[in-house]
Structure formats: C-alpha cells, structure tokens
Amino acid sequence: MSPRNALATYATIEKHATMTIPARYENGVFKPLEDVNLIEGTIVEVHLPEDAPKRPKSVRDWPTFGIWADRDDIPDGVTYEDRIRRSR
C-alpha cells in the first residue's frame, strides 16, 4: 500500500465510530478473536489500557479474605448459611 493510500485509508477510519476488537498478541501480530468488518490493509491504532486490572491468583489474595476469621458465631460459610435458612 502506498503512503498516499495509507493516509487516505487512515482518514477514512477517523470518520468511523470507535470499535473494540478483542485480540491476542502472538509472534508480533495482533490476531482478532472474532470476525472484523474492515477492508484488507486498513491501518488501525491499538490502544492498550495503562494498568489492566490484575486478577488475584487465589481467593486468599482478595482484600476481603478472612474478615470474619475472629467471629465465633460464623465457624464456616455453610454452617452460617444453614443457621439463617433454619431461622426463616
């Protein structure tokens, strides 16, 4: 694609609405995870979130883990839930 065609294509993209396309980055190439309705050779911009939220590896990593550890009336979630159900 010549630079002139590339600029014309880029100008056309700017007129379109923003699209979010899930993709996987492999071997230096972004590979869409679904069908994309774009003209072959279209130049696009890829914006990555600065700090993507990181998922905890375990429930134990959650900030709320263990908040009821010192409660004598809640020995475990199952016992506590059973007690609530029986009281209804």
PDB file of N, CA and C in Angstrom:
ATOM      1  N   MET A   1       0.855  -1.173   0.000  1.00  0.00           N
ATOM      2  CA  MET A   1       0.000   0.000   0.000  1.00  0.00           C
ATOM      3  C   MET A   1       0.895   1.227   0.000  1.00  0.00           C
ATOM      4  N   SER A   2       0.596   2.140  -0.877  1.00  0.00           N
ATOM      5  CA  SER A   2       1.423   3.347  -0.961  1.00  0.00           C
ATOM      6  C   SER A   2       1.102   4.260   0.224  1.00  0.00           C
ATOM      7  N   PRO A   3       2.047   5.137   0.578  1.00  0.00           N
ATOM      8  CA  PRO A   3       1.803   6.068   1.692  1.00  0.00           C
ATOM      9  C   PRO A   3       0.571   6.940   1.459  1.00  0.00           C
ATOM     10  N   ARG A   4       0.316   7.297   0.218  1.00  0.00           N
ATOM     11  CA  ARG A   4      -0.851   8.138  -0.085  1.00  0.00           C
ATOM     12  C   ARG A   4      -2.141   7.360   0.203  1.00  0.00           C
ATOM     13  N   ASN A   5      -2.197   6.112  -0.234  1.00  0.00           N
ATOM     14  CA  ASN A   5      -3.372   5.288   0.037  1.00  0.00           C
ATOM     15  C   ASN A   5      -3.532   5.026   1.534  1.00  0.00           C
ATOM     16  N   ALA A   6      -2.392   4.850   2.205  1.00  0.00           N
ATOM     17  CA  ALA A   6      -2.440   4.614   3.637  1.00  0.00           C
ATOM     18  C   ALA A   6      -3.041   5.809   4.363  1.00  0.00           C
ATOM     19  N   LEU A   7      -2.643   7.009   3.978  1.00  0.00           N
ATOM     20  CA  LEU A   7      -3.197   8.211   4.611  1.00  0.00           C
ATOM     21  C   LEU A   7      -4.679   8.360   4.300  1.00  0.00           C
ATOM     22  N   ALA A   8      -5.084   8.045   3.099  1.00  0.00           N
ATOM     23  CA  ALA A   8      -6.499   8.124   2.735  1.00  0.00           C
ATOM     24  C   ALA A   8      -7.305   7.116   3.549  1.00  0.00           C
ATOM     25  N   THR A   9      -6.753   5.924   3.692  1.00  0.00           N
ATOM     26  CA  THR A   9      -7.431   4.903   4.489  1.00  0.00           C
ATOM     27  C   THR A   9      -7.522   5.343   5.941  1.00  0.00           C
ATOM     28  N   TYR A  10      -6.447   5.927   6.472  1.00  0.00           N
ATOM     29  CA  TYR A  10      -6.425   6.387   7.856  1.00  0.00           C
ATOM     30  C   TYR A  10      -7.465   7.485   8.054  1.00  0.00           C
ATOM     31  N   ALA A  11      -7.574   8.401   7.095  1.00  0.00           N
ATOM     32  CA  ALA A  11      -8.561   9.477   7.182  1.00  0.00           C
ATOM     33  C   ALA A  11      -9.969   8.895   7.196  1.00  0.00           C
ATOM     34  N   THR A  12     -10.190   7.828   6.443  1.00  0.00           N
ATOM     35  CA  THR A  12     -11.498   7.178   6.426  1.00  0.00           C
ATOM     36  C   THR A  12     -11.805   6.560   7.786  1.00  0.00           C
ATOM     37  N   ILE A  13     -10.820   5.960   8.409  1.00  0.00           N
ATOM     38  CA  ILE A  13     -11.009   5.339   9.724  1.00  0.00           C
ATOM     39  C   ILE A  13     -11.427   6.379  10.745  1.00  0.00           C
ATOM     40  N   GLU A  14     -10.822   7.563  10.693  1.00  0.00           N
ATOM     41  CA  GLU A  14     -11.140   8.598  11.672  1.00  0.00           C
ATOM     42  C   GLU A  14     -12.608   8.989  11.628  1.00  0.00           C
ATOM     43  N   LYS A  15     -13.258   8.805  10.489  1.00  0.00           N
ATOM     44  CA  LYS A  15     -14.667   9.164  10.354  1.00  0.00           C
ATOM     45  C   LYS A  15     -15.585   8.119  10.958  1.00  0.00           C
ATOM     46  N   HIS A  16     -15.083   6.904  11.161  1.00  0.00           N
ATOM     47  CA  HIS A  16     -15.899   5.816  11.688  1.00  0.00           C
ATOM     48  C   HIS A  16     -15.939   5.856  13.211  1.00  0.00           C
ATOM     49  N   ALA A  17     -16.937   5.189  13.747  1.00  0.00           N
ATOM     50  CA  ALA A  17     -17.044   5.080  15.198  1.00  0.00           C
ATOM     51  C   ALA A  17     -15.914   4.203  15.734  1.00  0.00           C
ATOM     52  N   THR A  18     -15.590   4.398  16.982  1.00  0.00           N
ATOM     53  CA  THR A  18     -14.571   3.591  17.629  1.00  0.00           C
ATOM     54  C   THR A  18     -15.081   2.170  17.784  1.00  0.00           C
ATOM     55  N   MET A  19     -14.205   1.213  17.565  1.00  0.00           N
ATOM     56  CA  MET A  19     -14.562  -0.201  17.725  1.00  0.00           C
ATOM     57  C   MET A  19     -13.629  -0.822  18.748  1.00  0.00           C
ATOM     58  N   THR A  20     -14.141  -1.753  19.502  1.00  0.00           N
ATOM     59  CA  THR A  20     -13.317  -2.541  20.407  1.00  0.00           C
ATOM     60  C   THR A  20     -13.288  -3.957  19.853  1.00  0.00           C
ATOM     61  N   ILE A  21     -12.099  -4.429  19.565  1.00  0.00           N
ATOM     62  CA  ILE A  21     -11.939  -5.749  18.963  1.00  0.00           C
ATOM     63  C   ILE A  21     -11.050  -6.579  19.873  1.00  0.00           C
ATOM     64  N   PRO A  22     -11.592  -7.624  20.500  1.00  0.00           N
ATOM     65  CA  PRO A  22     -10.727  -8.478  21.314  1.00  0.00           C
ATOM     66  C   PRO A  22      -9.723  -9.195  20.421  1.00  0.00           C
ATOM     67  N   ALA A  23      -8.473  -9.193  20.846  1.00  0.00           N
ATOM     68  CA  ALA A  23      -7.425  -9.805  20.036  1.00  0.00           C
ATOM     69  C   ALA A  23      -6.372 -10.412  20.940  1.00  0.00           C
ATOM     70  N   ARG A  24      -5.615 -11.336  20.376  1.00  0.00           N
ATOM     71  CA  ARG A  24      -4.499 -11.953  21.083  1.00  0.00           C
ATOM     72  C   ARG A  24      -3.220 -11.536  20.361  1.00  0.00           C
ATOM     73  N   TYR A  25      -2.197 -11.182  21.116  1.00  0.00           N
ATOM     74  CA  TYR A  25      -0.910 -10.794  20.544  1.00  0.00           C
ATOM     75  C   TYR A  25      -0.007 -12.022  20.520  1.00  0.00           C
ATOM     76  N   GLU A  26       0.358 -12.468  19.321  1.00  0.00           N
ATOM     77  CA  GLU A  26       1.205 -13.650  19.161  1.00  0.00           C
ATOM     78  C   GLU A  26       2.249 -13.399  18.092  1.00  0.00           C
ATOM     79  N   ASN A  27       3.488 -13.661  18.406  1.00  0.00           N
ATOM     80  CA  ASN A  27       4.585 -13.548  17.439  1.00  0.00           C
ATOM     81  C   ASN A  27       4.597 -12.206  16.723  1.00  0.00           C
ATOM     82  N   GLY A  28       4.360 -11.137  17.466  1.00  0.00           N
ATOM     83  CA  GLY A  28       4.425  -9.792  16.896  1.00  0.00           C
ATOM     84  C   GLY A  28       3.206  -9.377  16.094  1.00  0.00           C
ATOM     85  N   VAL A  29       2.109 -10.148  16.172  1.00  0.00           N
ATOM     86  CA  VAL A  29       0.909  -9.856  15.382  1.00  0.00           C
ATOM     87  C   VAL A  29      -0.315  -9.888  16.291  1.00  0.00           C
ATOM     88  N   PHE A  30      -1.196  -8.896  16.146  1.00  0.00           N
ATOM     89  CA  PHE A  30      -2.468  -8.910  16.852  1.00  0.00           C
ATOM     90  C   PHE A  30      -3.448  -9.737  16.026  1.00  0.00           C
ATOM     91  N   LYS A  31      -3.987 -10.794  16.624  1.00  0.00           N
ATOM     92  CA  LYS A  31      -4.914 -11.678  15.917  1.00  0.00           C
ATOM     93  C   LYS A  31      -6.295 -11.530  16.533  1.00  0.00           C
ATOM     94  N   PRO A  32      -7.272 -10.995  15.758  1.00  0.00           N
ATOM     95  CA  PRO A  32      -8.622 -10.805  16.295  1.00  0.00           C
ATOM     96  C   PRO A  32      -9.229 -12.143  16.725  1.00  0.00           C
ATOM     97  N   LEU A  33     -10.007 -12.105  17.795  1.00  0.00           N
ATOM     98  CA  LEU A  33     -10.663 -13.303  18.304  1.00  0.00           C
ATOM     99  C   LEU A  33     -12.069 -13.470  17.730  1.00  0.00           C
ATOM    100  N   GLU A  34     -12.481 -12.531  16.897  1.00  0.00           N
ATOM    101  CA  GLU A  34     -13.784 -12.609  16.239  1.00  0.00           C
ATOM    102  C   GLU A  34     -13.667 -11.961  14.864  1.00  0.00           C
ATOM    103  N   ASP A  35     -14.685 -12.142  14.038  1.00  0.00           N
ATOM    104  CA  ASP A  35     -14.664 -11.554  12.696  1.00  0.00           C
ATOM    105  C   ASP A  35     -14.648 -10.026  12.793  1.00  0.00           C
ATOM    106  N   VAL A  36     -13.863  -9.402  11.915  1.00  0.00           N
ATOM    107  CA  VAL A  36     -13.731  -7.949  11.902  1.00  0.00           C
ATOM    108  C   VAL A  36     -14.147  -7.439  10.533  1.00  0.00           C
ATOM    109  N   ASN A  37     -15.022  -6.460  10.510  1.00  0.00           N
ATOM    110  CA  ASN A  37     -15.520  -5.900   9.260  1.00  0.00           C
ATOM    111  C   ASN A  37     -14.680  -4.685   8.868  1.00  0.00           C
ATOM    112  N   LEU A  38     -13.478  -4.955   8.350  1.00  0.00           N
ATOM    113  CA  LEU A  38     -12.573  -3.900   7.883  1.00  0.00           C
ATOM    114  C   LEU A  38     -12.044  -4.281   6.507  1.00  0.00           C
ATOM    115  N   ILE A  39     -11.696  -3.275   5.751  1.00  0.00           N
ATOM    116  CA  ILE A  39     -11.090  -3.507   4.436  1.00  0.00           C
ATOM    117  C   ILE A  39      -9.654  -3.968   4.648  1.00  0.00           C
ATOM    118  N   GLU A  40      -9.250  -4.983   3.900  1.00  0.00           N
ATOM    119  CA  GLU A  40      -7.885  -5.507   3.986  1.00  0.00           C
ATOM    120  C   GLU A  40      -6.886  -4.374   3.780  1.00  0.00           C
ATOM    121  N   GLY A  41      -5.886  -4.294   4.639  1.00  0.00           N
ATOM    122  CA  GLY A  41      -4.861  -3.268   4.532  1.00  0.00           C
ATOM    123  C   GLY A  41      -5.188  -1.993   5.297  1.00  0.00           C
ATOM    124  N   THR A  42      -6.342  -1.961   5.969  1.00  0.00           N
ATOM    125  CA  THR A  42      -6.728  -0.782   6.735  1.00  0.00           C
ATOM    126  C   THR A  42      -5.737  -0.566   7.870  1.00  0.00           C
ATOM    127  N   ILE A  43      -5.296   0.663   8.037  1.00  0.00           N
ATOM    128  CA  ILE A  43      -4.391   1.000   9.128  1.00  0.00           C
ATOM    129  C   ILE A  43      -5.244   1.337  10.348  1.00  0.00           C
ATOM    130  N   VAL A  44      -4.899   0.740  11.473  1.00  0.00           N
ATOM    131  CA  VAL A  44      -5.651   0.963  12.710  1.00  0.00           C
ATOM    132  C   VAL A  44      -4.704   1.392  13.814  1.00  0.00           C
ATOM    133  N   GLU A  45      -5.241   1.937  14.868  1.00  0.00           N
ATOM    134  CA  GLU A  45      -4.471   2.268  16.063  1.00  0.00           C
ATOM    135  C   GLU A  45      -4.887   1.307  17.159  1.00  0.00           C
ATOM    136  N   VAL A  46      -3.923   0.827  17.910  1.00  0.00           N
ATOM    137  CA  VAL A  46      -4.207  -0.079  19.018  1.00  0.00           C
ATOM    138  C   VAL A  46      -3.926   0.675  20.309  1.00  0.00           C
ATOM    139  N   HIS A  47      -4.934   0.751  21.163  1.00  0.00           N
ATOM    140  CA  HIS A  47      -4.794   1.417  22.462  1.00  0.00           C
ATOM    141  C   HIS A  47      -4.913   0.359  23.549  1.00  0.00           C
ATOM    142  N   LEU A  48      -3.894   0.229  24.350  1.00  0.00           N
ATOM    143  CA  LEU A  48      -3.905  -0.735  25.448  1.00  0.00           C
ATOM    144  C   LEU A  48      -4.124   0.014  26.754  1.00  0.00           C
ATOM    145  N   PRO A  49      -4.877  -0.570  27.676  1.00  0.00           N
ATOM    146  CA  PRO A  49      -5.046   0.094  28.967  1.00  0.00           C
ATOM    147  C   PRO A  49      -3.696   0.193  29.670  1.00  0.00           C
ATOM    148  N   GLU A  50      -3.484   1.332  30.333  1.00  0.00           N
ATOM    149  CA  GLU A  50      -2.196   1.542  31.002  1.00  0.00           C
ATOM    150  C   GLU A  50      -1.957   0.507  32.082  1.00  0.00           C
ATOM    151  N   ASP A  51      -2.909   0.350  32.956  1.00  0.00           N
ATOM    152  CA  ASP A  51      -2.787  -0.622  34.040  1.00  0.00           C
ATOM    153  C   ASP A  51      -4.005  -1.529  34.014  1.00  0.00           C
ATOM    154  N   ALA A  52      -3.899  -2.594  33.269  1.00  0.00           N
ATOM    155  CA  ALA A  52      -5.004  -3.543  33.233  1.00  0.00           C
ATOM    156  C   ALA A  52      -5.141  -4.157  34.616  1.00  0.00           C
ATOM    157  N   PRO A  53      -6.369  -4.282  35.113  1.00  0.00           N
ATOM    158  CA  PRO A  53      -6.534  -4.870  36.441  1.00  0.00           C
ATOM    159  C   PRO A  53      -6.010  -6.303  36.462  1.00  0.00           C
ATOM    160  N   LYS A  54      -5.270  -6.618  37.473  1.00  0.00           N
ATOM    161  CA  LYS A  54      -4.706  -7.955  37.597  1.00  0.00           C
ATOM    162  C   LYS A  54      -5.614  -8.784  38.486  1.00  0.00           C
ATOM    163  N   ARG A  55      -5.945  -9.960  38.012  1.00  0.00           N
ATOM    164  CA  ARG A  55      -6.816 -10.835  38.773  1.00  0.00           C
ATOM    165  C   ARG A  55      -6.017 -11.519  39.873  1.00  0.00           C
ATOM    166  N   PRO A  56      -6.602 -11.607  41.052  1.00  0.00           N
ATOM    167  CA  PRO A  56      -5.905 -12.330  42.120  1.00  0.00           C
ATOM    168  C   PRO A  56      -5.690 -13.790  41.720  1.00  0.00           C
ATOM    169  N   LYS A  57      -4.600 -14.357  42.143  1.00  0.00           N
ATOM    170  CA  LYS A  57      -4.309 -15.754  41.838  1.00  0.00           C
ATOM    171  C   LYS A  57      -5.192 -16.683  42.661  1.00  0.00           C
ATOM    172  N   SER A  58      -5.610 -16.228  43.817  1.00  0.00           N
ATOM    173  CA  SER A  58      -6.383 -17.057  44.719  1.00  0.00           C
ATOM    174  C   SER A  58      -7.364 -16.171  45.480  1.00  0.00           C
ATOM    175  N   VAL A  59      -8.400 -16.777  46.007  1.00  0.00           N
ATOM    176  CA  VAL A  59      -9.348 -16.028  46.849  1.00  0.00           C
ATOM    177  C   VAL A  59      -8.613 -15.459  48.058  1.00  0.00           C
ATOM    178  N   ARG A  60      -7.596 -16.143  48.506  1.00  0.00           N
ATOM    179  CA  ARG A  60      -6.816 -15.669  49.654  1.00  0.00           C
ATOM    180  C   ARG A  60      -6.126 -14.330  49.370  1.00  0.00           C
ATOM    181  N   ASP A  61      -5.949 -13.974  48.102  1.00  0.00           N
ATOM    182  CA  ASP A  61      -5.324 -12.705  47.740  1.00  0.00           C
ATOM    183  C   ASP A  61      -6.317 -11.539  47.752  1.00  0.00           C
ATOM    184  N   TRP A  62      -7.599 -11.829  47.858  1.00  0.00           N
ATOM    185  CA  TRP A  62      -8.596 -10.766  47.887  1.00  0.00           C
ATOM    186  C   TRP A  62      -8.482  -9.999  49.195  1.00  0.00           C
ATOM    187  N   PRO A  63      -8.695  -8.685  49.136  1.00  0.00           N
ATOM    188  CA  PRO A  63      -8.561  -7.898  50.364  1.00  0.00           C
ATOM    189  C   PRO A  63      -9.601  -8.261  51.422  1.00  0.00           C
ATOM    190  N   THR A  64     -10.722  -8.872  51.028  1.00  0.00           N
ATOM    191  CA  THR A  64     -11.765  -9.210  51.991  1.00  0.00           C
ATOM    192  C   THR A  64     -11.600 -10.596  52.596  1.00  0.00           C
ATOM    193  N   PHE A  65     -10.614 -11.344  52.161  1.00  0.00           N
ATOM    194  CA  PHE A  65     -10.424 -12.704  52.667  1.00  0.00           C
ATOM    195  C   PHE A  65     -10.105 -12.665  54.157  1.00  0.00           C
ATOM    196  N   GLY A  66     -10.830 -13.456  54.920  1.00  0.00           N
ATOM    197  CA  GLY A  66     -10.560 -13.584  56.344  1.00  0.00           C
ATOM    198  C   GLY A  66     -11.153 -12.509  57.224  1.00  0.00           C
ATOM    199  N   ILE A  67     -12.060 -11.675  56.695  1.00  0.00           N
ATOM    200  CA  ILE A  67     -12.582 -10.571  57.517  1.00  0.00           C
ATOM    201  C   ILE A  67     -13.437 -11.070  58.681  1.00  0.00           C
ATOM    202  N   TRP A  68     -13.958 -12.304  58.578  1.00  0.00           N
ATOM    203  CA  TRP A  68     -14.759 -12.855  59.669  1.00  0.00           C
ATOM    204  C   TRP A  68     -14.001 -13.935  60.430  1.00  0.00           C
ATOM    205  N   ALA A  69     -12.721 -13.994  60.299  1.00  0.00           N
ATOM    206  CA  ALA A  69     -11.930 -15.063  60.910  1.00  0.00           C
ATOM    207  C   ALA A  69     -12.045 -15.063  62.436  1.00  0.00           C
ATOM    208  N   ASP A  70     -12.256 -13.920  63.057  1.00  0.00           N
ATOM    209  CA  ASP A  70     -12.315 -13.827  64.515  1.00  0.00           C
ATOM    210  C   ASP A  70     -13.727 -13.983  65.068  1.00  0.00           C
ATOM    211  N   ARG A  71     -14.719 -14.242  64.195  1.00  0.00           N
ATOM    212  CA  ARG A  71     -16.103 -14.342  64.657  1.00  0.00           C
ATOM    213  C   ARG A  71     -16.397 -15.767  65.107  1.00  0.00           C
ATOM    214  N   ASP A  72     -16.861 -15.912  66.338  1.00  0.00           N
ATOM    215  CA  ASP A  72     -17.205 -17.228  66.882  1.00  0.00           C
ATOM    216  C   ASP A  72     -18.541 -17.730  66.371  1.00  0.00           C
ATOM    217  N   ASP A  73     -19.432 -16.800  65.963  1.00  0.00           N
ATOM    218  CA  ASP A  73     -20.772 -17.196  65.515  1.00  0.00           C
ATOM    219  C   ASP A  73     -20.785 -17.633  64.051  1.00  0.00           C
ATOM    220  N   ILE A  74     -19.660 -17.531  63.346  1.00  0.00           N
ATOM    221  CA  ILE A  74     -19.579 -17.942  61.948  1.00  0.00           C
ATOM    222  C   ILE A  74     -18.378 -18.883  61.796  1.00  0.00           C
ATOM    223  N   PRO A  75     -18.563 -20.164  62.155  1.00  0.00           N
ATOM    224  CA  PRO A  75     -17.420 -21.089  62.041  1.00  0.00           C
ATOM    225  C   PRO A  75     -17.012 -21.340  60.587  1.00  0.00           C
ATOM    226  N   ASP A  76     -18.011 -21.387  59.689  1.00  0.00           N
ATOM    227  CA  ASP A  76     -17.732 -21.512  58.260  1.00  0.00           C
ATOM    228  C   ASP A  76     -18.995 -21.067  57.514  1.00  0.00           C
ATOM    229  N   GLY A  77     -18.876 -20.825  56.225  1.00  0.00           N
ATOM    230  CA  GLY A  77     -19.996 -20.293  55.443  1.00  0.00           C
ATOM    231  C   GLY A  77     -21.192 -21.221  55.385  1.00  0.00           C
ATOM    232  N   VAL A  78     -20.964 -22.525  55.329  1.00  0.00           N
ATOM    233  CA  VAL A  78     -22.063 -23.484  55.224  1.00  0.00           C
ATOM    234  C   VAL A  78     -22.880 -23.500  56.505  1.00  0.00           C
ATOM    235  N   THR A  79     -22.206 -23.573  57.647  1.00  0.00           N
ATOM    236  CA  THR A  79     -22.901 -23.580  58.932  1.00  0.00           C
ATOM    237  C   THR A  79     -23.693 -22.298  59.118  1.00  0.00           C
ATOM    238  N   TYR A  80     -23.098 -21.198  58.790  1.00  0.00           N
ATOM    239  CA  TYR A  80     -23.763 -19.899  58.930  1.00  0.00           C
ATOM    240  C   TYR A  80     -24.997 -19.828  58.036  1.00  0.00           C
ATOM    241  N   GLU A  81     -24.866 -20.248  56.788  1.00  0.00           N
ATOM    242  CA  GLU A  81     -25.994 -20.217  55.848  1.00  0.00           C
ATOM    243  C   GLU A  81     -27.112 -21.151  56.307  1.00  0.00           C
ATOM    244  N   ASP A  82     -26.773 -22.345  56.780  1.00  0.00           N
ATOM    245  CA  ASP A  82     -27.778 -23.275  57.298  1.00  0.00           C
ATOM    246  C   ASP A  82     -28.548 -22.664  58.463  1.00  0.00           C
ATOM    247  N   ARG A  83     -27.847 -21.998  59.346  1.00  0.00           N
ATOM    248  CA  ARG A  83     -28.491 -21.362  60.509  1.00  0.00           C
ATOM    249  C   ARG A  83     -29.475 -20.282  60.038  1.00  0.00           C
ATOM    250  N   ILE A  84     -29.114 -19.527  59.038  1.00  0.00           N
ATOM    251  CA  ILE A  84     -30.006 -18.485  58.508  1.00  0.00           C
ATOM    252  C   ILE A  84     -31.243 -19.123  57.887  1.00  0.00           C
ATOM    253  N   ARG A  85     -31.048 -20.171  57.133  1.00  0.00           N
ATOM    254  CA  ARG A  85     -32.194 -20.841  56.474  1.00  0.00           C
ATOM    255  C   ARG A  85     -33.151 -21.447  57.494  1.00  0.00           C
ATOM    256  N   ARG A  86     -32.626 -22.043  58.559  1.00  0.00           N
ATOM    257  CA  ARG A  86     -33.488 -22.648  59.585  1.00  0.00           C
ATOM    258  C   ARG A  86     -34.281 -21.590  60.344  1.00  0.00           C
ATOM    259  N   SER A  87     -33.751 -20.401  60.480  1.00  0.00           N
ATOM    260  CA  SER A  87     -34.431 -19.358  61.249  1.00  0.00           C
ATOM    261  C   SER A  87     -35.565 -18.683  60.488  1.00  0.00           C
ATOM    262  N   ARG A  88     -35.729 -18.970  59.245  1.00  0.00           N
ATOM    263  CA  ARG A  88     -36.791 -18.338  58.439  1.00  0.00           C
ATOM    264  C   ARG A  88     -38.095 -19.013  58.586  1.00  0.00           C
TER     265      ARG A  88
END
